[in-house]
Amino acid sequence: MKLRIHKNAIRLRLSQSEVDQIALGRPIYEELNLGEKQVLQYALIPDQTLDSILARFSDQKLEIFVPLTLSTTWAKTDEVSLNQTQNEGTLQETLILIEKDFQCLHKRPNEDESDNFPNPKTPEDYSKSVN
């Protein structure tokens, strides 16, 4: 599971096996170690009791909760992403995106993408968008 944070947006990208895990109701945990006592933990957790996606951060843990019924349905379709805008008070919102991770059209050395979803675009589509 890849994590990207930009401004007030959180984006998780999941491989095929991770999408399968979430659909079965199994959480995914990851961590970023920045020394012995500096660890950022993040998780995607299916929850049977929720109606919408929810993010929470406390004790150096970022937890994203997703309704189990939503994740199960999503895993079985060609739908690329799930999203939710979470209100953080009167003037602030956080966008939460959960996406299927596609194989890149331009290969990167030393990156294993064998468990990523096949990219629906062709290399020709990619070269047109770059030029």
C-alpha atoms as a PDB file:
ATOM      1  CA  MET A   1       0.000   0.000   0.000  1.00  0.00           C
ATOM      2  CA  LYS A   2       1.385   3.351  -1.017  1.00  0.00           C
ATOM      3  CA  LEU A   3       0.604   6.537   0.878  1.00  0.00           C
ATOM      4  CA  ARG A   4       0.607  10.014  -0.615  1.00  0.00           C
ATOM      5  CA  ILE A   5      -0.271  13.131   1.334  1.00  0.00           C
ATOM      6  CA  HIS A   6      -0.595  16.465  -0.433  1.00  0.00           C
ATOM      7  CA  LYS A   7      -2.108  19.501   1.244  1.00  0.00           C
ATOM      8  CA  ASN A   8      -5.429  18.254   2.639  1.00  0.00           C
ATOM      9  CA  ALA A   9      -5.627  15.082   0.600  1.00  0.00           C
ATOM     10  CA  ILE A  10      -4.725  11.537   1.599  1.00  0.00           C
ATOM     11  CA  ARG A  11      -4.293   8.974  -1.169  1.00  0.00           C
ATOM     12  CA  LEU A  12      -3.770   5.245  -0.706  1.00  0.00           C
ATOM     13  CA  ARG A  13      -2.883   3.023  -3.659  1.00  0.00           C
ATOM     14  CA  LEU A  14      -3.454  -0.705  -3.295  1.00  0.00           C
ATOM     15  CA  SER A  15      -2.090  -3.680  -5.202  1.00  0.00           C
ATOM     16  CA  GLN A  16      -4.341  -6.513  -6.352  1.00  0.00           C
ATOM     17  CA  SER A  17      -3.622  -8.678  -3.297  1.00  0.00           C
ATOM     18  CA  GLU A  18      -4.240  -5.729  -0.950  1.00  0.00           C
ATOM     19  CA  VAL A  19      -7.604  -5.020  -2.592  1.00  0.00           C
ATOM     20  CA  ASP A  20      -8.432  -8.711  -2.099  1.00  0.00           C
ATOM     21  CA  GLN A  21      -7.472  -8.474   1.602  1.00  0.00           C
ATOM     22  CA  ILE A  22      -9.655  -5.437   2.192  1.00  0.00           C
ATOM     23  CA  ALA A  23     -12.582  -7.121   0.416  1.00  0.00           C
ATOM     24  CA  LEU A  24     -12.252 -10.024   2.855  1.00  0.00           C
ATOM     25  CA  GLY A  25     -12.394  -7.633   5.803  1.00  0.00           C
ATOM     26  CA  ARG A  26      -8.679  -7.846   6.638  1.00  0.00           C
ATOM     27  CA  PRO A  27      -6.854  -4.616   7.540  1.00  0.00           C
ATOM     28  CA  ILE A  28      -3.572  -3.560   5.935  1.00  0.00           C
ATOM     29  CA  TYR A  29      -0.855  -2.041   8.112  1.00  0.00           C
ATOM     30  CA  GLU A  30       2.309  -0.234   6.982  1.00  0.00           C
ATOM     31  CA  GLU A  31       4.923   1.901   8.682  1.00  0.00           C
ATOM     32  CA  LEU A  32       7.639   4.388   7.880  1.00  0.00           C
ATOM     33  CA  ASN A  33      10.634   4.141  10.203  1.00  0.00           C
ATOM     34  CA  LEU A  34      12.639   7.334  10.642  1.00  0.00           C
ATOM     35  CA  GLY A  35      14.884   6.135  13.434  1.00  0.00           C
ATOM     36  CA  GLU A  36      14.363   4.092  16.564  1.00  0.00           C
ATOM     37  CA  LYS A  37      11.629   6.244  18.056  1.00  0.00           C
ATOM     38  CA  GLN A  38      10.218   7.937  14.985  1.00  0.00           C
ATOM     39  CA  VAL A  39       7.661   5.712  13.310  1.00  0.00           C
ATOM     40  CA  LEU A  40       4.669   6.786  11.263  1.00  0.00           C
ATOM     41  CA  GLN A  41       2.141   3.969  11.128  1.00  0.00           C
ATOM     42  CA  TYR A  42      -0.696   3.946   8.647  1.00  0.00           C
ATOM     43  CA  ALA A  43      -3.497   1.498   8.045  1.00  0.00           C
ATOM     44  CA  LEU A  44      -6.548   0.820   5.933  1.00  0.00           C
ATOM     45  CA  ILE A  45      -9.163  -0.896   8.063  1.00  0.00           C
ATOM     46  CA  PRO A  46     -12.468  -2.362   6.860  1.00  0.00           C
ATOM     47  CA  ASP A  47     -15.318  -1.683   9.279  1.00  0.00           C
ATOM     48  CA  GLN A  48     -18.779  -3.258   9.269  1.00  0.00           C
ATOM     49  CA  THR A  49     -20.356  -0.436  11.270  1.00  0.00           C
ATOM     50  CA  LEU A  50     -19.478   2.571   9.079  1.00  0.00           C
ATOM     51  CA  ASP A  51     -21.496   4.149   6.279  1.00  0.00           C
ATOM     52  CA  SER A  52     -18.644   6.227   4.832  1.00  0.00           C
ATOM     53  CA  ILE A  53     -14.855   6.422   4.681  1.00  0.00           C
ATOM     54  CA  LEU A  54     -13.230   8.007   7.735  1.00  0.00           C
ATOM     55  CA  ALA A  55      -9.666   9.120   8.555  1.00  0.00           C
ATOM     56  CA  ARG A  56      -8.234   9.509  12.029  1.00  0.00           C
ATOM     57  CA  PHE A  57      -4.729  10.468  13.235  1.00  0.00           C
ATOM     58  CA  SER A  58      -3.458   9.969  16.779  1.00  0.00           C
ATOM     59  CA  ASP A  59      -0.298   8.644  18.471  1.00  0.00           C
ATOM     60  CA  GLN A  60       1.657   8.763  15.190  1.00  0.00           C
ATOM     61  CA  LYS A  61      -0.948   6.507  13.539  1.00  0.00           C
ATOM     62  CA  LEU A  62      -2.975   7.421  10.480  1.00  0.00           C
ATOM     63  CA  GLU A  63      -5.967   5.119  10.241  1.00  0.00           C
ATOM     64  CA  ILE A  64      -8.330   5.111   7.286  1.00  0.00           C
ATOM     65  CA  PHE A  65     -11.547   3.198   7.873  1.00  0.00           C
ATOM     66  CA  VAL A  66     -13.626   1.976   4.937  1.00  0.00           C
ATOM     67  CA  PRO A  67     -17.094   0.411   5.120  1.00  0.00           C
ATOM     68  CA  LEU A  68     -16.738  -3.334   4.512  1.00  0.00           C
ATOM     69  CA  THR A  69     -19.702  -3.464   2.117  1.00  0.00           C
ATOM     70  CA  LEU A  70     -18.210  -0.628   0.052  1.00  0.00           C
ATOM     71  CA  SER A  71     -14.756  -2.229  -0.171  1.00  0.00           C
ATOM     72  CA  THR A  72     -16.190  -5.646  -1.040  1.00  0.00           C
ATOM     73  CA  THR A  73     -18.254  -4.230  -3.895  1.00  0.00           C
ATOM     74  CA  TRP A  74     -15.364  -2.060  -5.136  1.00  0.00           C
ATOM     75  CA  ALA A  75     -12.976  -5.021  -5.246  1.00  0.00           C
ATOM     76  CA  LYS A  76     -15.274  -6.909  -7.624  1.00  0.00           C
ATOM     77  CA  THR A  77     -15.675  -4.086 -10.146  1.00  0.00           C
ATOM     78  CA  ASP A  78     -13.522  -2.141 -12.608  1.00  0.00           C
ATOM     79  CA  GLU A  79     -14.101   0.988 -10.514  1.00  0.00           C
ATOM     80  CA  VAL A  80     -10.675   2.578  -9.929  1.00  0.00           C
ATOM     81  CA  SER A  81     -11.202   4.562  -6.738  1.00  0.00           C
ATOM     82  CA  LEU A  82     -13.232   5.241  -3.643  1.00  0.00           C
ATOM     83  CA  ASN A  83     -13.333   8.758  -2.266  1.00  0.00           C
ATOM     84  CA  GLN A  84     -14.740  10.740   0.595  1.00  0.00           C
ATOM     85  CA  THR A  85     -14.524  14.359   1.656  1.00  0.00           C
ATOM     86  CA  GLN A  86     -14.229  14.565   5.422  1.00  0.00           C
ATOM     87  CA  ASN A  87     -15.162  17.825   7.128  1.00  0.00           C
ATOM     88  CA  GLU A  88     -12.567  18.989   9.638  1.00  0.00           C
ATOM     89  CA  GLY A  89     -14.466  21.973  11.008  1.00  0.00           C
ATOM     90  CA  THR A  90     -16.220  24.873   9.404  1.00  0.00           C
ATOM     91  CA  LEU A  91     -13.430  25.925   7.030  1.00  0.00           C
ATOM     92  CA  GLN A  92     -11.485  22.744   6.331  1.00  0.00           C
ATOM     93  CA  GLU A  93     -11.983  19.483   4.490  1.00  0.00           C
ATOM     94  CA  THR A  94      -9.808  16.443   3.880  1.00  0.00           C
ATOM     95  CA  LEU A  95     -10.105  14.478   0.654  1.00  0.00           C
ATOM     96  CA  ILE A  96      -9.577  10.734   1.142  1.00  0.00           C
ATOM     97  CA  LEU A  97      -8.850   8.630  -1.961  1.00  0.00           C
ATOM     98  CA  ILE A  98      -8.401   4.866  -2.039  1.00  0.00           C
ATOM     99  CA  GLU A  99      -7.232   3.670  -5.454  1.00  0.00           C
ATOM    100  CA  LYS A 100      -6.237   0.541  -7.290  1.00  0.00           C
ATOM    101  CA  ASP A 101      -2.537   0.801  -8.184  1.00  0.00           C
ATOM    102  CA  PHE A 102      -1.824   0.326 -11.898  1.00  0.00           C
ATOM    103  CA  GLN A 103       1.367  -0.814 -13.547  1.00  0.00           C
ATOM    104  CA  CYS A 104       3.323   2.105 -14.992  1.00  0.00           C
ATOM    105  CA  LEU A 105       3.530   2.477 -18.744  1.00  0.00           C
ATOM    106  CA  HIS A 106       7.148   3.558 -18.427  1.00  0.00           C
ATOM    107  CA  LYS A 107       9.054   0.961 -16.438  1.00  0.00           C
ATOM    108  CA  ARG A 108      11.110   2.066 -13.461  1.00  0.00           C
ATOM    109  CA  PRO A 109      14.236   0.098 -12.587  1.00  0.00           C
ATOM    110  CA  ASN A 110      14.133  -1.902  -9.348  1.00  0.00           C
ATOM    111  CA  GLU A 111      10.375  -1.503  -8.871  1.00  0.00           C
ATOM    112  CA  ASP A 112       8.282  -4.656  -8.672  1.00  0.00           C
ATOM    113  CA  GLU A 113       4.836  -4.008 -10.145  1.00  0.00           C
ATOM    114  CA  SER A 114       3.888  -7.647 -10.639  1.00  0.00           C
ATOM    115  CA  ASP A 115       1.005  -7.365  -8.131  1.00  0.00           C
ATOM    116  CA  ASN A 116      -0.309  -4.079  -9.522  1.00  0.00           C
ATOM    117  CA  PHE A 117      -3.394  -3.945 -11.702  1.00  0.00           C
ATOM    118  CA  PRO A 118      -2.832  -4.037 -15.477  1.00  0.00           C
ATOM    119  CA  ASN A 119      -2.850  -0.508 -16.839  1.00  0.00           C
ATOM    120  CA  PRO A 120      -5.950   0.163 -18.982  1.00  0.00           C
ATOM    121  CA  LYS A 121      -3.988   2.643 -21.100  1.00  0.00           C
ATOM    122  CA  THR A 122      -1.580   1.610 -23.832  1.00  0.00           C
ATOM    123  CA  PRO A 123       2.002   2.880 -24.171  1.00  0.00           C
ATOM    124  CA  GLU A 124       0.759   4.890 -27.171  1.00  0.00           C
ATOM    125  CA  ASP A 125      -1.798   6.666 -24.950  1.00  0.00           C
ATOM    126  CA  TYR A 126       1.028   7.535 -22.562  1.00  0.00           C
ATOM    127  CA  SER A 127       3.309   8.942 -25.250  1.00  0.00           C
ATOM    128  CA  LYS A 128       0.471  11.107 -26.621  1.00  0.00           C
ATOM    129  CA  SER A 129      -0.200  12.591 -23.175  1.00  0.00           C
ATOM    130  CA  VAL A 130       3.493  13.372 -22.591  1.00  0.00           C
ATOM    131  CA  ASN A 131       4.018  15.116 -25.934  1.00  0.00           C
END
